Structures are given as structure tokens and as C-alpha cells.
Protein backbone atom coordinates (compact mmCIF):
# COMPACT_ATOMS: atom_id res chain seq x y z
CA MET A 1 3.12 11.12 -6.72
CA ASN A 2 5.20 12.82 -3.91
CA ASN A 3 2.47 15.65 -3.34
CA ASN A 4 0.01 13.62 -1.11
CA VAL A 5 3.09 11.84 0.27
CA ALA A 6 5.48 14.94 1.37
CA ASN A 7 5.27 16.50 4.85
CA LYS A 8 2.85 13.32 6.07
CA ILE A 9 3.81 11.85 9.36
CA VAL A 10 3.71 8.29 9.02
CA VAL A 11 3.99 5.88 11.63
CA ILE A 12 5.62 2.15 10.85
CA THR A 13 5.63 -0.84 13.37
CA GLY A 14 8.19 -3.89 12.43
CA ALA A 15 10.26 -1.14 10.84
CA SER A 16 14.06 -2.34 12.17
CA SER A 17 14.04 -4.50 8.77
CA GLY A 18 12.44 -5.76 5.87
CA LEU A 19 9.18 -4.56 4.52
CA GLY A 20 8.89 -1.76 6.82
CA ALA A 21 12.61 -0.75 6.72
CA GLU A 22 12.37 -0.37 3.14
CA THR A 23 8.89 1.62 3.24
CA ALA A 24 10.54 4.05 5.71
CA ARG A 25 14.00 4.79 3.35
CA HIS A 26 11.13 4.99 0.37
CA LEU A 27 8.56 7.51 2.22
CA ALA A 28 11.38 9.66 3.55
CA VAL A 29 13.06 10.16 0.02
CA LEU A 30 9.40 11.03 -0.99
CA GLY A 31 9.37 13.81 1.79
CA ALA A 32 6.95 12.19 4.47
CA THR A 33 8.19 12.25 8.14
CA VAL A 34 8.70 8.69 9.20
CA VAL A 35 8.48 7.23 13.05
CA LEU A 36 9.83 4.01 13.48
CA GLY A 37 8.92 1.50 15.33
CA ALA A 38 10.06 -1.81 16.37
CA ARG A 39 11.41 -4.16 19.09
CA ARG A 40 15.28 -3.75 18.06
CA GLU A 41 15.99 -0.34 18.98
CA ASP A 42 19.50 -0.34 18.06
CA ARG A 43 18.36 -1.37 14.18
CA ILE A 44 15.80 1.60 14.19
CA THR A 45 17.68 4.33 15.49
CA THR A 46 20.50 3.38 12.96
CA LEU A 47 17.71 3.67 10.20
CA ALA A 48 16.44 6.72 11.67
CA GLU A 49 20.30 8.49 11.47
CA SER A 50 20.90 6.95 7.77
CA ILE A 51 17.11 8.39 6.53
CA ILE A 52 18.69 11.93 8.40
CA ALA A 53 22.12 11.60 7.14
CA LYS A 54 20.34 12.37 3.50
CA GLY A 55 17.90 14.95 4.14
CA GLY A 56 15.03 13.20 5.62
CA LYS A 57 12.89 13.10 8.77
CA ALA A 58 12.72 10.06 10.98
CA LEU A 59 12.13 9.51 14.87
CA ALA A 60 13.00 5.89 16.40
CA ILE A 61 11.27 4.75 19.36
CA GLU A 62 11.32 1.35 20.83
CA THR A 63 8.06 -0.64 20.30
CA ASP A 64 6.68 -3.93 21.45
CA VAL A 65 3.19 -4.49 19.22
CA THR A 66 2.32 -7.06 21.58
CA ASP A 67 2.44 -4.69 24.72
CA ARG A 68 -0.43 -2.51 24.10
CA ALA A 69 1.07 0.29 26.46
CA SER A 70 4.22 0.43 24.24
CA VAL A 71 2.25 0.61 21.02
CA GLN A 72 0.29 3.77 22.44
CA ASN A 73 3.39 5.08 23.77
CA LEU A 74 4.39 5.19 20.09
CA ILE A 75 1.59 6.75 18.58
CA ASP A 76 1.20 9.27 21.39
CA THR A 77 4.89 10.29 20.93
CA ALA A 78 4.40 10.75 17.19
CA VAL A 79 1.64 13.29 17.89
CA ASN A 80 2.94 15.11 20.63
CA THR A 81 6.51 15.41 18.86
CA TYR A 82 4.62 16.78 15.20
CA GLY A 83 1.34 17.49 16.24
CA ARG A 84 -0.72 14.64 14.52
CA ILE A 85 -0.29 11.55 12.94
CA ASP A 86 -1.31 10.84 9.39
CA VAL A 87 -0.87 7.59 8.24
CA LEU A 88 -0.09 4.35 10.68
CA LEU A 89 1.38 1.21 8.81
CA ASN A 90 0.98 -1.59 10.97
CA ASN A 91 3.65 -3.77 9.28
CA ALA A 92 5.06 -5.92 12.13
CA GLY A 93 4.31 -9.21 11.76
CA VAL A 94 6.05 -13.11 12.31
CA MET A 95 5.43 -15.99 10.32
CA PRO A 96 6.54 -19.44 12.14
CA LEU A 97 4.70 -21.88 9.64
CA SER A 98 4.11 -24.97 10.92
CA PRO A 99 1.33 -28.39 10.25
CA LEU A 100 -1.39 -28.10 12.60
CA GLU A 101 0.12 -31.11 14.03
CA LYS A 102 3.30 -30.43 15.49
CA LEU A 103 1.35 -28.79 18.32
CA ARG A 104 3.68 -25.60 18.19
CA VAL A 105 1.20 -23.65 20.90
CA ASP A 106 3.75 -21.32 21.84
CA GLU A 107 4.04 -19.98 17.94
CA TRP A 108 0.25 -19.99 17.67
CA ASP A 109 0.03 -17.41 20.69
CA LEU A 110 2.89 -15.54 18.91
CA MET A 111 1.13 -15.09 15.79
CA ILE A 112 -1.89 -14.06 17.18
CA ASP A 113 -0.78 -11.72 19.70
CA VAL A 114 1.63 -10.00 17.11
CA ASN A 115 -0.02 -10.27 13.62
CA ILE A 116 -3.71 -10.00 15.40
CA LYS A 117 -3.54 -7.96 18.60
CA GLY A 118 -0.85 -5.82 17.50
CA VAL A 119 -2.84 -4.35 14.49
CA LEU A 120 -5.52 -4.08 16.95
CA TYR A 121 -3.50 -2.38 19.46
CA GLY A 122 -2.39 0.31 16.90
CA ILE A 123 -5.26 1.06 15.26
CA ALA A 124 -6.81 1.42 19.09
CA ALA A 125 -3.74 3.80 19.58
CA ALA A 126 -4.24 5.96 16.14
CA LEU A 127 -8.24 6.15 15.90
CA PRO A 128 -8.93 8.50 18.65
CA HIS A 129 -6.24 10.87 17.19
CA MET A 130 -7.21 10.42 13.29
CA LYS A 131 -11.27 10.81 14.63
CA GLU A 132 -10.52 14.08 16.12
CA GLN A 133 -8.26 15.24 13.29
CA LYS A 134 -11.13 14.30 10.59
CA SER A 135 -8.17 13.11 8.82
CA GLY A 136 -6.15 10.11 8.50
CA HIS A 137 -5.28 6.89 6.82
CA ILE A 138 -4.54 3.09 8.58
CA ILE A 139 -2.70 0.38 6.48
CA ASN A 140 -3.06 -3.44 7.61
CA VAL A 141 -0.59 -5.72 6.20
CA SER A 142 -2.27 -9.13 5.20
CA SER A 143 -0.66 -11.60 3.09
CA VAL A 144 -1.31 -13.91 0.08
CA ALA A 145 -1.93 -16.50 2.74
CA GLY A 146 -4.57 -14.13 3.85
CA HIS A 147 -6.37 -15.34 0.51
CA HIS A 148 -5.10 -18.60 0.04
CA VAL A 149 -4.60 -21.41 2.81
CA LEU A 150 -1.46 -22.68 2.05
CA ASP A 151 0.86 -25.85 3.24
CA SER A 152 1.49 -25.64 6.93
CA SER A 153 -0.13 -22.04 7.14
CA ALA A 154 -3.20 -22.67 8.73
CA VAL A 155 -2.26 -20.59 11.69
CA TYR A 156 -0.59 -17.89 10.46
CA SER A 157 -3.58 -17.40 7.19
CA ALA A 158 -5.77 -17.47 10.04
CA THR A 159 -4.19 -14.27 11.73
CA LYS A 160 -4.20 -12.91 8.04
CA PHE A 161 -7.63 -13.34 7.15
CA ALA A 162 -8.31 -11.65 10.35
CA VAL A 163 -6.31 -8.87 9.66
CA ARG A 164 -8.90 -8.45 6.15
CA ALA A 165 -11.62 -8.96 8.35
CA LEU A 166 -10.69 -5.98 10.96
CA SER A 167 -9.62 -4.13 8.59
CA GLU A 168 -13.08 -3.75 6.10
CA GLY A 169 -14.89 -3.56 9.20
CA LEU A 170 -13.02 -0.83 10.08
CA ARG A 171 -13.44 0.87 7.01
CA GLY A 172 -17.06 0.90 7.42
CA GLU A 173 -16.92 2.55 10.44
CA VAL A 174 -14.41 5.16 9.83
CA LYS A 175 -16.24 7.14 7.01
CA PRO A 176 -17.96 9.40 9.40
CA TYR A 177 -14.56 10.97 10.08
CA ASN A 178 -13.13 11.09 6.61
CA LEU A 179 -10.69 8.41 7.57
CA ARG A 180 -9.20 6.11 5.01
CA THR A 181 -8.22 2.78 5.28
CA THR A 182 -5.73 -0.01 3.11
CA ILE A 183 -5.00 -3.84 2.98
CA ILE A 184 -2.23 -4.98 1.41
CA SER A 185 -1.54 -8.53 0.61
CA PRO A 186 1.89 -9.14 -0.54
CA GLY A 187 3.20 -12.59 -2.37
CA ALA A 188 6.96 -13.84 -1.74
CA VAL A 189 9.07 -10.59 -1.05
CA GLN A 190 12.42 -10.82 0.20
CA SER A 191 12.32 -10.47 3.98
CA GLU A 192 13.40 -12.06 7.48
CA LEU A 193 9.70 -14.30 7.49
CA LEU A 194 11.33 -17.09 6.51
CA ASN A 195 13.89 -16.64 9.35
CA GLY A 196 11.40 -17.25 11.75
CA ILE A 197 10.19 -20.61 10.74
CA HIS A 198 11.70 -23.20 13.37
CA ASP A 199 9.67 -26.33 11.96
CA GLU A 200 12.68 -28.01 9.97
CA ALA A 201 10.89 -29.50 7.01
CA THR A 202 8.43 -26.53 6.73
CA ALA A 203 11.35 -24.23 6.18
CA LYS A 204 13.31 -26.11 4.32
CA GLN A 205 10.27 -26.51 1.50
CA LEU A 206 9.86 -22.92 1.90
CA GLN A 207 13.82 -22.10 1.44
CA SER A 208 13.77 -24.69 -1.21
CA PHE A 209 11.86 -21.96 -3.84
CA VAL A 210 10.77 -19.12 -2.30
CA PRO A 211 14.28 -16.90 -3.05
CA GLU A 212 14.11 -17.88 -6.44
CA ILE A 213 11.02 -16.14 -6.62
CA ALA A 214 10.62 -13.42 -3.97
CA ILE A 215 10.91 -9.79 -5.30
CA SER A 216 12.50 -6.77 -3.47
CA ALA A 217 11.09 -5.18 -0.50
CA ASP A 218 10.71 -2.11 -2.53
CA SER A 219 7.89 -3.67 -4.49
CA PHE A 220 5.96 -3.52 -0.93
CA ALA A 221 7.12 0.35 -0.41
CA ARG A 222 6.06 1.34 -3.56
CA CYS A 223 2.52 -0.39 -2.89
CA VAL A 224 2.27 1.63 0.34
CA ALA A 225 3.21 4.66 -1.60
CA PHE A 226 0.49 4.09 -3.88
CA ALA A 227 -2.10 3.75 -1.45
CA ILE A 228 -1.21 7.01 0.51
CA SER A 229 -0.46 9.13 -2.58
CA GLN A 230 -3.71 9.22 -3.93
CA PRO A 231 -5.96 12.40 -3.51
CA GLU A 232 -7.61 12.57 0.16
CA ASP A 233 -11.35 11.19 -1.75
CA VAL A 234 -9.84 8.24 -3.32
CA ASP A 235 -9.17 5.48 -1.02
CA ILE A 236 -7.47 2.46 -1.87
CA ASN A 237 -8.98 -0.40 -0.06
CA GLU A 238 -6.87 -3.72 -0.65
CA ILE A 239 -3.96 -4.26 -2.77
CA LEU A 240 -2.96 -7.81 -3.32
CA PHE A 241 0.33 -8.13 -5.05
CA ARG A 242 2.78 -11.25 -6.07
CA PRO A 243 5.96 -11.87 -7.66
CA THR A 244 5.25 -12.78 -11.53
CA LYS A 245 6.56 -15.82 -11.19
CA GLN A 246 4.43 -16.89 -8.20
CA LYS A 247 1.41 -19.47 -8.90
CA ILE A 248 -0.15 -19.37 -5.46
């Protein structure tokens, strides 16, 4: 599998923890050069140093996906440093779930800014480079909640349904440029997402069972590697996965 991962330049947003950090480690072991973007500069710097210490190649760039210029800087720095971008993993996401009646509008805005606009900013920054190269792969992260609206997930689900719609539209548009697109929709996977739920009742409900069934972040990393590793004429468009124990 690593033959088509090795030597690729992979940009990862939300790389400071959880799915993004584990994917960076996994792809680096397979020989990719990983460019790490996240707001927590200290954490991605430490991660990059640990990857390099183990013989991998990594670069950390402080990035706020809600800021278009910041995302543009992430992509442009990767291209200026390595000459190209082969894969963009739009991984950054937040999940402050709550019932609509709680009217946590600031949290709705945050989910729209990170989960939708952050993905669009990534596409806007990477697409011109990939079109010029006539090669590239954009991987967007949705969720099981992007297939089913779960309790207290109306706005979060709306953002993840939007990611799937954007990705499918992108898939159709980039065929003339030889680009690949993938949507990855995880179920319960170990990450910091639950820590961002500030509605007490919702947090308590999820904390009562999600940690018991959640699978490790390397499950996501292996899905990313699988999609990238396919021959260039194979386009894995969507992966939906859950813990074996997860019903919904």
C-alpha cells in the first residue's frame, strides 16, 4: 500500500490532536511528507519534531481554518517548500452538540465556520495548484451524522451533510483535471470532539456510552491511507465506517 503514499506531499488541517495527528503519524511511517496545520502551534510543532526524530518528514504551520488567508498560507507554504501538493485532508472540525431549542447560536456559527467554510477555504487554496499539476487528491471529513441526524445534532449534521454535498459537486467538476476526491465519514472514534460539547445534558448523555464503543484514531488513519494508496486511476469516493458495536 505504501508505494502510492510514499513521497506524497500531504497537507492535514486539524492536525494537533485526534484523527489528524494520528493520520500524520501513520502517513509519515508510510513515507509521505506531512504538512501539519492547526491553531495550537506548540502541539503541531511537537508532533512534527517527533515524526522527524523517527525518520519521517514533517512541517508545522500555524493555521486557523476559519481564516481564508491562513488556509491559503498553509497551502502556499507547502507548495513553495516542496514544489507541489498531492493530497489535502480537510480534517479540522468541531462538534458542540445541543438541542436547537437551547439557541446556542454562537456554537452554530462556529460549526458553520469550521466544518463548512474551513473545507471550502481548503478547496479554494488547493484547487488551483492541483489543476495546474493535473493531479491531486482532496479528502473531506464528514461523519455518520452526515448520513443520519442524531439527537441534538441538527446543526452539526447539517454541516456534515453539506460536506458530502460539496464533495460530490467537487468530484464531478474536477474530472477534466485528473483529480481524485474522497469523503470519509467516521462513527464513534476516539478524539477530542466530545470535549467541545458545552450543553451539559447532551455531554452527559454521550459520555455515558461513546467512550465505551469508540475505536482508536488509527482506524481513521488507515482509511485515509487506503484511499490515497489506490492506483491513480482508482477514485475512492466515499468511506463510511463505525465501531462494530455502534448501532446508529
